[in-house]
N, C-alpha and C. Protein backbone atom coordinates (compact mmCIF):
# COMPACT_ATOMS: atom_id res chain seq x y z
N MET A 1 -112.74 -42.45 -18.00
CA MET A 1 -111.40 -42.31 -18.53
C MET A 1 -111.39 -42.80 -19.98
N PRO A 2 -110.90 -42.00 -20.90
CA PRO A 2 -110.85 -42.44 -22.31
C PRO A 2 -109.83 -43.54 -22.50
N ILE A 3 -110.08 -44.39 -23.46
CA ILE A 3 -109.14 -45.46 -23.78
C ILE A 3 -107.95 -44.85 -24.52
N THR A 4 -106.78 -45.30 -24.17
CA THR A 4 -105.54 -44.78 -24.76
C THR A 4 -105.29 -45.40 -26.13
N THR A 5 -104.48 -44.74 -26.91
CA THR A 5 -104.02 -45.31 -28.18
C THR A 5 -102.51 -45.54 -28.14
N ASP A 6 -101.92 -45.41 -26.95
CA ASP A 6 -100.48 -45.56 -26.78
C ASP A 6 -100.18 -46.92 -26.13
N ILE A 7 -99.44 -47.76 -26.82
CA ILE A 7 -99.12 -49.09 -26.30
C ILE A 7 -98.36 -49.00 -24.99
N GLU A 8 -97.53 -47.97 -24.83
CA GLU A 8 -96.78 -47.82 -23.58
C GLU A 8 -97.73 -47.60 -22.40
N ASP A 9 -98.85 -46.95 -22.63
CA ASP A 9 -99.86 -46.80 -21.57
C ASP A 9 -100.40 -48.16 -21.17
N LEU A 10 -100.70 -49.02 -22.15
CA LEU A 10 -101.22 -50.35 -21.83
C LEU A 10 -100.22 -51.15 -21.02
N ILE A 11 -98.94 -51.06 -21.39
CA ILE A 11 -97.91 -51.77 -20.65
C ILE A 11 -97.81 -51.24 -19.22
N THR A 12 -97.87 -49.92 -19.08
CA THR A 12 -97.82 -49.31 -17.75
C THR A 12 -99.02 -49.71 -16.91
N PHE A 13 -100.20 -49.67 -17.51
CA PHE A 13 -101.41 -50.04 -16.77
C PHE A 13 -101.35 -51.49 -16.31
N ALA A 14 -100.85 -52.36 -17.17
CA ALA A 14 -100.72 -53.78 -16.80
C ALA A 14 -99.73 -53.94 -15.65
N ALA A 15 -98.61 -53.23 -15.72
CA ALA A 15 -97.61 -53.30 -14.66
C ALA A 15 -98.18 -52.80 -13.34
N GLU A 16 -98.92 -51.70 -13.39
CA GLU A 16 -99.54 -51.16 -12.18
C GLU A 16 -100.58 -52.12 -11.61
N HIS A 17 -101.32 -52.77 -12.49
CA HIS A 17 -102.32 -53.75 -12.03
C HIS A 17 -101.63 -54.88 -11.28
N GLY A 18 -100.49 -55.32 -11.80
CA GLY A 18 -99.73 -56.37 -11.14
C GLY A 18 -99.14 -55.92 -9.81
N GLU A 19 -98.69 -54.68 -9.77
CA GLU A 19 -98.13 -54.14 -8.52
C GLU A 19 -99.20 -53.95 -7.46
N ASN A 20 -100.40 -53.54 -7.89
CA ASN A 20 -101.47 -53.23 -6.95
C ASN A 20 -102.27 -54.45 -6.51
N SER A 21 -102.11 -55.56 -7.19
CA SER A 21 -102.83 -56.78 -6.81
C SER A 21 -101.86 -57.95 -6.76
N GLU A 22 -101.87 -58.77 -7.78
CA GLU A 22 -100.95 -59.91 -7.85
C GLU A 22 -100.15 -59.81 -9.14
N PRO A 23 -98.87 -60.20 -9.11
CA PRO A 23 -98.03 -60.09 -10.31
C PRO A 23 -98.62 -60.81 -11.54
N ASP A 24 -99.37 -61.88 -11.31
CA ASP A 24 -99.97 -62.60 -12.44
C ASP A 24 -100.93 -61.73 -13.24
N HIS A 25 -101.47 -60.70 -12.62
CA HIS A 25 -102.41 -59.82 -13.33
C HIS A 25 -101.71 -59.05 -14.44
N GLU A 26 -100.45 -58.69 -14.22
CA GLU A 26 -99.70 -57.99 -15.28
C GLU A 26 -99.58 -58.87 -16.51
N VAL A 27 -99.17 -60.09 -16.31
CA VAL A 27 -99.02 -61.03 -17.43
C VAL A 27 -100.37 -61.28 -18.10
N GLY A 28 -101.40 -61.48 -17.30
CA GLY A 28 -102.73 -61.73 -17.84
C GLY A 28 -103.24 -60.57 -18.68
N ASP A 29 -103.02 -59.35 -18.18
CA ASP A 29 -103.45 -58.17 -18.94
C ASP A 29 -102.71 -58.08 -20.27
N LEU A 30 -101.40 -58.29 -20.24
CA LEU A 30 -100.61 -58.22 -21.47
C LEU A 30 -101.03 -59.30 -22.46
N GLN A 31 -101.33 -60.50 -21.96
CA GLN A 31 -101.80 -61.57 -22.83
C GLN A 31 -103.13 -61.19 -23.48
N THR A 32 -104.01 -60.60 -22.71
CA THR A 32 -105.30 -60.16 -23.26
C THR A 32 -105.10 -59.13 -24.35
N PHE A 33 -104.28 -58.12 -24.08
CA PHE A 33 -104.03 -57.08 -25.09
C PHE A 33 -103.47 -57.69 -26.37
N LEU A 34 -102.50 -58.61 -26.24
CA LEU A 34 -101.87 -59.20 -27.41
C LEU A 34 -102.84 -60.09 -28.18
N ARG A 35 -103.63 -60.88 -27.47
CA ARG A 35 -104.59 -61.75 -28.16
C ARG A 35 -105.62 -60.95 -28.94
N VAL A 36 -106.13 -59.89 -28.34
CA VAL A 36 -107.11 -59.05 -29.04
C VAL A 36 -106.47 -58.40 -30.26
N ALA A 37 -105.26 -57.88 -30.09
CA ALA A 37 -104.58 -57.24 -31.22
C ALA A 37 -104.40 -58.23 -32.37
N PHE A 38 -104.03 -59.46 -32.06
CA PHE A 38 -103.82 -60.45 -33.11
C PHE A 38 -105.12 -60.84 -33.80
N ASN A 39 -106.22 -60.79 -33.10
CA ASN A 39 -107.50 -61.08 -33.72
C ASN A 39 -107.91 -59.99 -34.71
N ILE A 40 -107.35 -58.81 -34.54
CA ILE A 40 -107.67 -57.68 -35.42
C ILE A 40 -106.74 -57.61 -36.62
N LEU A 41 -105.49 -58.05 -36.45
CA LEU A 41 -104.50 -57.96 -37.52
C LEU A 41 -104.83 -58.87 -38.69
N SER A 42 -104.48 -58.41 -39.88
CA SER A 42 -104.60 -59.26 -41.07
C SER A 42 -103.45 -60.26 -41.08
N ASP A 43 -103.56 -61.28 -41.93
CA ASP A 43 -102.47 -62.25 -42.04
C ASP A 43 -101.17 -61.57 -42.47
N GLU A 44 -101.26 -60.61 -43.36
CA GLU A 44 -100.07 -59.88 -43.82
C GLU A 44 -99.44 -59.10 -42.66
N GLN A 45 -100.26 -58.48 -41.84
CA GLN A 45 -99.74 -57.73 -40.70
C GLN A 45 -99.10 -58.67 -39.68
N LYS A 46 -99.66 -59.84 -39.49
CA LYS A 46 -99.06 -60.83 -38.58
C LYS A 46 -97.70 -61.28 -39.10
N THR A 47 -97.59 -61.51 -40.38
CA THR A 47 -96.32 -61.90 -40.99
C THR A 47 -95.29 -60.79 -40.81
N THR A 48 -95.69 -59.55 -41.02
CA THR A 48 -94.80 -58.41 -40.82
C THR A 48 -94.34 -58.34 -39.38
N PHE A 49 -95.24 -58.56 -38.45
CA PHE A 49 -94.92 -58.54 -37.02
C PHE A 49 -93.87 -59.60 -36.70
N PHE A 50 -94.12 -60.83 -37.12
CA PHE A 50 -93.20 -61.93 -36.78
C PHE A 50 -91.85 -61.81 -37.47
N SER A 51 -91.78 -61.11 -38.58
CA SER A 51 -90.51 -60.97 -39.28
C SER A 51 -89.72 -59.75 -38.81
N HIS A 52 -90.28 -58.95 -37.93
CA HIS A 52 -89.58 -57.79 -37.39
C HIS A 52 -88.38 -58.27 -36.56
N ALA A 53 -87.24 -57.63 -36.72
CA ALA A 53 -86.00 -58.08 -36.08
C ALA A 53 -86.13 -58.18 -34.56
N GLU A 54 -86.76 -57.21 -33.91
CA GLU A 54 -86.88 -57.25 -32.45
C GLU A 54 -87.78 -58.40 -31.99
N VAL A 55 -88.85 -58.63 -32.72
CA VAL A 55 -89.75 -59.72 -32.37
C VAL A 55 -89.05 -61.06 -32.59
N ALA A 56 -88.39 -61.18 -33.72
CA ALA A 56 -87.69 -62.44 -34.04
C ALA A 56 -86.61 -62.75 -33.00
N SER A 57 -85.82 -61.75 -32.61
CA SER A 57 -84.75 -62.02 -31.64
C SER A 57 -85.31 -62.31 -30.26
N THR A 58 -86.38 -61.64 -29.87
CA THR A 58 -87.01 -61.92 -28.57
C THR A 58 -87.63 -63.30 -28.58
N TYR A 59 -88.26 -63.67 -29.67
CA TYR A 59 -88.86 -65.00 -29.83
C TYR A 59 -87.78 -66.08 -29.70
N GLU A 60 -86.68 -65.88 -30.39
CA GLU A 60 -85.59 -66.86 -30.34
C GLU A 60 -85.02 -66.98 -28.93
N ALA A 61 -84.85 -65.86 -28.24
CA ALA A 61 -84.32 -65.89 -26.87
C ALA A 61 -85.31 -66.59 -25.93
N ALA A 62 -86.58 -66.34 -26.12
CA ALA A 62 -87.60 -66.94 -25.27
C ALA A 62 -87.64 -68.47 -25.45
N ARG A 63 -87.34 -68.91 -26.65
CA ARG A 63 -87.31 -70.34 -26.95
C ARG A 63 -85.95 -70.98 -26.65
N GLY A 64 -85.00 -70.16 -26.22
CA GLY A 64 -83.68 -70.69 -25.92
C GLY A 64 -82.82 -70.88 -27.15
N GLU A 65 -83.16 -70.20 -28.25
CA GLU A 65 -82.40 -70.31 -29.50
C GLU A 65 -81.49 -69.09 -29.60
N PHE A 66 -80.20 -69.33 -29.49
CA PHE A 66 -79.27 -68.18 -29.52
C PHE A 66 -78.42 -68.22 -30.75
């Protein structure tokens, strides 16, 4: 099976992995994907990511900052 270039596929595959085994596998898969992506991004790309409105608002909600 060829590797996908669609992030939605990765999210779906992680969700299916969690459904077919243990829910923790979904989270673990998503963490792996995100960690690898961040190791590839430049510092400028990381800054752009963190300053994106959707990321910033999700980050704030996750930290309990409303």
